[in-house]
Structure formats: structure tokens, C-alpha cells
Amino acid sequence: MAAMARYRTRVPKGVFIYDSAAAMEADWLRWKVDAMAAKHG
């Protein structure tokens, strides 16, 4: 439970308005890759 409390998503806080679903998916993928890279050093 404590490990989950420290979980970082690497997604910046805020409200994002995109022109297309493709732009949203690109940001989401970038944030996921950044989080995986940070976790594995």
C-alpha cells in the first residue's frame, strides 16, 4: 500500500484540450515512456 502511495505517473497536472485523439495519444505515450525510463534508470 505504501509503495502505491509513492507511485508517480509523470503526467503533468492540469487540464489538456487537444485538437485530435491522435495528439492526445502521442502525449500519453510520451508520458508513459518517460515514466518507464525513469523507473529503470
PDB file of N, CA and C in Angstrom:
ATOM      1  N   MET A   1       0.821  -1.185   0.000  1.00  0.00           N
ATOM      2  CA  MET A   1       0.000   0.000   0.000  1.00  0.00           C
ATOM      3  C   MET A   1       0.872   1.259   0.000  1.00  0.00           C
ATOM      4  N   ALA A   2       1.936   1.243   0.781  1.00  0.00           N
ATOM      5  CA  ALA A   2       2.822   2.409   0.853  1.00  0.00           C
ATOM      6  C   ALA A   2       3.531   2.646  -0.478  1.00  0.00           C
ATOM      7  N   ALA A   3       3.879   1.559  -1.178  1.00  0.00           N
ATOM      8  CA  ALA A   3       4.543   1.703  -2.481  1.00  0.00           C
ATOM      9  C   ALA A   3       3.606   2.344  -3.497  1.00  0.00           C
ATOM     10  N   MET A   4       2.347   2.004  -3.442  1.00  0.00           N
ATOM     11  CA  MET A   4       1.387   2.594  -4.367  1.00  0.00           C
ATOM     12  C   MET A   4       1.162   4.075  -4.070  1.00  0.00           C
ATOM     13  N   ALA A   5       1.298   4.460  -2.815  1.00  0.00           N
ATOM     14  CA  ALA A   5       1.120   5.859  -2.440  1.00  0.00           C
ATOM     15  C   ALA A   5       2.224   6.727  -3.026  1.00  0.00           C
ATOM     16  N   ARG A   6       3.397   6.131  -3.255  1.00  0.00           N
ATOM     17  CA  ARG A   6       4.525   6.871  -3.823  1.00  0.00           C
ATOM     18  C   ARG A   6       4.587   6.767  -5.338  1.00  0.00           C
ATOM     19  N   TYR A   7       3.610   6.147  -5.959  1.00  0.00           N
ATOM     20  CA  TYR A   7       3.600   5.940  -7.403  1.00  0.00           C
ATOM     21  C   TYR A   7       3.538   7.270  -8.145  1.00  0.00           C
ATOM     22  N   ARG A   8       4.406   7.441  -9.133  1.00  0.00           N
ATOM     23  CA  ARG A   8       4.445   8.679  -9.922  1.00  0.00           C
ATOM     24  C   ARG A   8       4.025   8.367 -11.344  1.00  0.00           C
ATOM     25  N   THR A   9       3.102   9.147 -11.874  1.00  0.00           N
ATOM     26  CA  THR A   9       2.626   8.891 -13.229  1.00  0.00           C
ATOM     27  C   THR A   9       3.432   9.653 -14.277  1.00  0.00           C
ATOM     28  N   ARG A  10       4.134  10.699 -13.877  1.00  0.00           N
ATOM     29  CA  ARG A  10       4.893  11.563 -14.786  1.00  0.00           C
ATOM     30  C   ARG A  10       3.990  12.375 -15.707  1.00  0.00           C
ATOM     31  N   VAL A  11       2.708  12.381 -15.450  1.00  0.00           N
ATOM     32  CA  VAL A  11       1.783  13.195 -16.244  1.00  0.00           C
ATOM     33  C   VAL A  11       1.679  14.549 -15.562  1.00  0.00           C
ATOM     34  N   PRO A  12       1.935  15.634 -16.290  1.00  0.00           N
ATOM     35  CA  PRO A  12       1.829  16.940 -15.663  1.00  0.00           C
ATOM     36  C   PRO A  12       0.391  17.244 -15.231  1.00  0.00           C
ATOM     37  N   LYS A  13       0.265  17.979 -14.153  1.00  0.00           N
ATOM     38  CA  LYS A  13      -1.070  18.337 -13.665  1.00  0.00           C
ATOM     39  C   LYS A  13      -1.669  19.416 -14.549  1.00  0.00           C
ATOM     40  N   GLY A  14      -2.957  19.359 -14.687  1.00  0.00           N
ATOM     41  CA  GLY A  14      -3.647  20.385 -15.450  1.00  0.00           C
ATOM     42  C   GLY A  14      -4.725  19.789 -16.326  1.00  0.00           C
ATOM     43  N   VAL A  15      -5.378  20.657 -17.045  1.00  0.00           N
ATOM     44  CA  VAL A  15      -6.422  20.257 -17.987  1.00  0.00           C
ATOM     45  C   VAL A  15      -5.865  20.440 -19.392  1.00  0.00           C
ATOM     46  N   PHE A  16      -5.945  19.402 -20.185  1.00  0.00           N
ATOM     47  CA  PHE A  16      -5.399  19.430 -21.536  1.00  0.00           C
ATOM     48  C   PHE A  16      -6.540  19.346 -22.537  1.00  0.00           C
ATOM     49  N   ILE A  17      -6.523  20.226 -23.509  1.00  0.00           N
ATOM     50  CA  ILE A  17      -7.527  20.218 -24.564  1.00  0.00           C
ATOM     51  C   ILE A  17      -6.791  19.985 -25.879  1.00  0.00           C
ATOM     52  N   TYR A  18      -7.134  18.906 -26.537  1.00  0.00           N
ATOM     53  CA  TYR A  18      -6.448  18.504 -27.765  1.00  0.00           C
ATOM     54  C   TYR A  18      -7.334  18.717 -28.978  1.00  0.00           C
ATOM     55  N   ASP A  19      -6.693  18.945 -30.116  1.00  0.00           N
ATOM     56  CA  ASP A  19      -7.423  19.094 -31.374  1.00  0.00           C
ATOM     57  C   ASP A  19      -7.853  17.744 -31.931  1.00  0.00           C
ATOM     58  N   SER A  20      -7.132  16.691 -31.539  1.00  0.00           N
ATOM     59  CA  SER A  20      -7.458  15.370 -32.077  1.00  0.00           C
ATOM     60  C   SER A  20      -7.094  14.289 -31.066  1.00  0.00           C
ATOM     61  N   ALA A  21      -7.669  13.128 -31.254  1.00  0.00           N
ATOM     62  CA  ALA A  21      -7.333  11.990 -30.406  1.00  0.00           C
ATOM     63  C   ALA A  21      -5.891  11.548 -30.634  1.00  0.00           C
ATOM     64  N   ALA A  22      -5.395  11.727 -31.848  1.00  0.00           N
ATOM     65  CA  ALA A  22      -4.014  11.343 -32.148  1.00  0.00           C
ATOM     66  C   ALA A  22      -3.020  12.174 -31.340  1.00  0.00           C
ATOM     67  N   ALA A  23      -3.282  13.453 -31.180  1.00  0.00           N
ATOM     68  CA  ALA A  23      -2.404  14.313 -30.383  1.00  0.00           C
ATOM     69  C   ALA A  23      -2.441  13.899 -28.912  1.00  0.00           C
ATOM     70  N   MET A  24      -3.624  13.541 -28.424  1.00  0.00           N
ATOM     71  CA  MET A  24      -3.751  13.070 -27.050  1.00  0.00           C
ATOM     72  C   MET A  24      -2.977  11.769 -26.851  1.00  0.00           C
ATOM     73  N   GLU A  25      -3.121  10.846 -27.777  1.00  0.00           N
ATOM     74  CA  GLU A  25      -2.420   9.562 -27.689  1.00  0.00           C
ATOM     75  C   GLU A  25      -0.903   9.753 -27.722  1.00  0.00           C
ATOM     76  N   ALA A  26      -0.421  10.695 -28.522  1.00  0.00           N
ATOM     77  CA  ALA A  26       1.012  10.961 -28.606  1.00  0.00           C
ATOM     78  C   ALA A  26       1.557  11.453 -27.271  1.00  0.00           C
ATOM     79  N   ASP A  27       0.835  12.354 -26.611  1.00  0.00           N
ATOM     80  CA  ASP A  27       1.262  12.837 -25.297  1.00  0.00           C
ATOM     81  C   ASP A  27       1.235  11.708 -24.276  1.00  0.00           C
ATOM     82  N   TRP A  28       0.172  10.926 -24.276  1.00  0.00           N
ATOM     83  CA  TRP A  28       0.039   9.830 -23.321  1.00  0.00           C
ATOM     84  C   TRP A  28       1.174   8.824 -23.493  1.00  0.00           C
ATOM     85  N   LEU A  29       1.502   8.496 -24.726  1.00  0.00           N
ATOM     86  CA  LEU A  29       2.591   7.565 -24.989  1.00  0.00           C
ATOM     87  C   LEU A  29       3.926   8.137 -24.516  1.00  0.00           C
ATOM     88  N   ARG A  30       4.156   9.421 -24.769  1.00  0.00           N
ATOM     89  CA  ARG A  30       5.402  10.064 -24.338  1.00  0.00           C
ATOM     90  C   ARG A  30       5.527  10.031 -22.818  1.00  0.00           C
ATOM     91  N   TRP A  31       4.433  10.318 -22.113  1.00  0.00           N
ATOM     92  CA  TRP A  31       4.471  10.304 -20.657  1.00  0.00           C
ATOM     93  C   TRP A  31       4.716   8.899 -20.120  1.00  0.00           C
ATOM     94  N   LYS A  32       4.126   7.892 -20.751  1.00  0.00           N
ATOM     95  CA  LYS A  32       4.341   6.515 -20.311  1.00  0.00           C
ATOM     96  C   LYS A  32       5.784   6.092 -20.523  1.00  0.00           C
ATOM     97  N   VAL A  33       6.357   6.457 -21.657  1.00  0.00           N
ATOM     98  CA  VAL A  33       7.754   6.107 -21.943  1.00  0.00           C
ATOM     99  C   VAL A  33       8.685   6.821 -20.973  1.00  0.00           C
ATOM    100  N   ASP A  34       8.407   8.083 -20.672  1.00  0.00           N
ATOM    101  CA  ASP A  34       9.219   8.822 -19.702  1.00  0.00           C
ATOM    102  C   ASP A  34       9.178   8.164 -18.336  1.00  0.00           C
ATOM    103  N   ALA A  35       7.999   7.710 -17.915  1.00  0.00           N
ATOM    104  CA  ALA A  35       7.853   7.055 -16.619  1.00  0.00           C
ATOM    105  C   ALA A  35       8.614   5.741 -16.588  1.00  0.00           C
ATOM    106  N   MET A  36       8.545   4.966 -17.664  1.00  0.00           N
ATOM    107  CA  MET A  36       9.259   3.688 -17.712  1.00  0.00           C
ATOM    108  C   MET A  36      10.767   3.913 -17.710  1.00  0.00           C
ATOM    109  N   ALA A  37      11.232   4.926 -18.420  1.00  0.00           N
ATOM    110  CA  ALA A  37      12.667   5.224 -18.462  1.00  0.00           C
ATOM    111  C   ALA A  37      13.157   5.682 -17.087  1.00  0.00           C
ATOM    112  N   ALA A  38      12.375   6.477 -16.394  1.00  0.00           N
ATOM    113  CA  ALA A  38      12.767   6.940 -15.065  1.00  0.00           C
ATOM    114  C   ALA A  38      12.815   5.785 -14.065  1.00  0.00           C
ATOM    115  N   LYS A  39      11.893   4.859 -14.211  1.00  0.00           N
ATOM    116  CA  LYS A  39      11.831   3.720 -13.268  1.00  0.00           C
ATOM    117  C   LYS A  39      13.019   2.786 -13.440  1.00  0.00           C
ATOM    118  N   HIS A  40      13.487   2.614 -14.669  1.00  0.00           N
ATOM    119  CA  HIS A  40      14.561   1.667 -14.942  1.00  0.00           C
ATOM    120  C   HIS A  40      15.922   2.323 -15.079  1.00  0.00           C
ATOM    121  N   GLY A  41      15.994   3.569 -14.690  1.00  0.00           N
ATOM    122  CA  GLY A  41      17.286   4.230 -14.605  1.00  0.00           C
ATOM    123  C   GLY A  41      17.730   4.812 -15.847  1.00  0.00           C
TER     124      GLY A  41
END
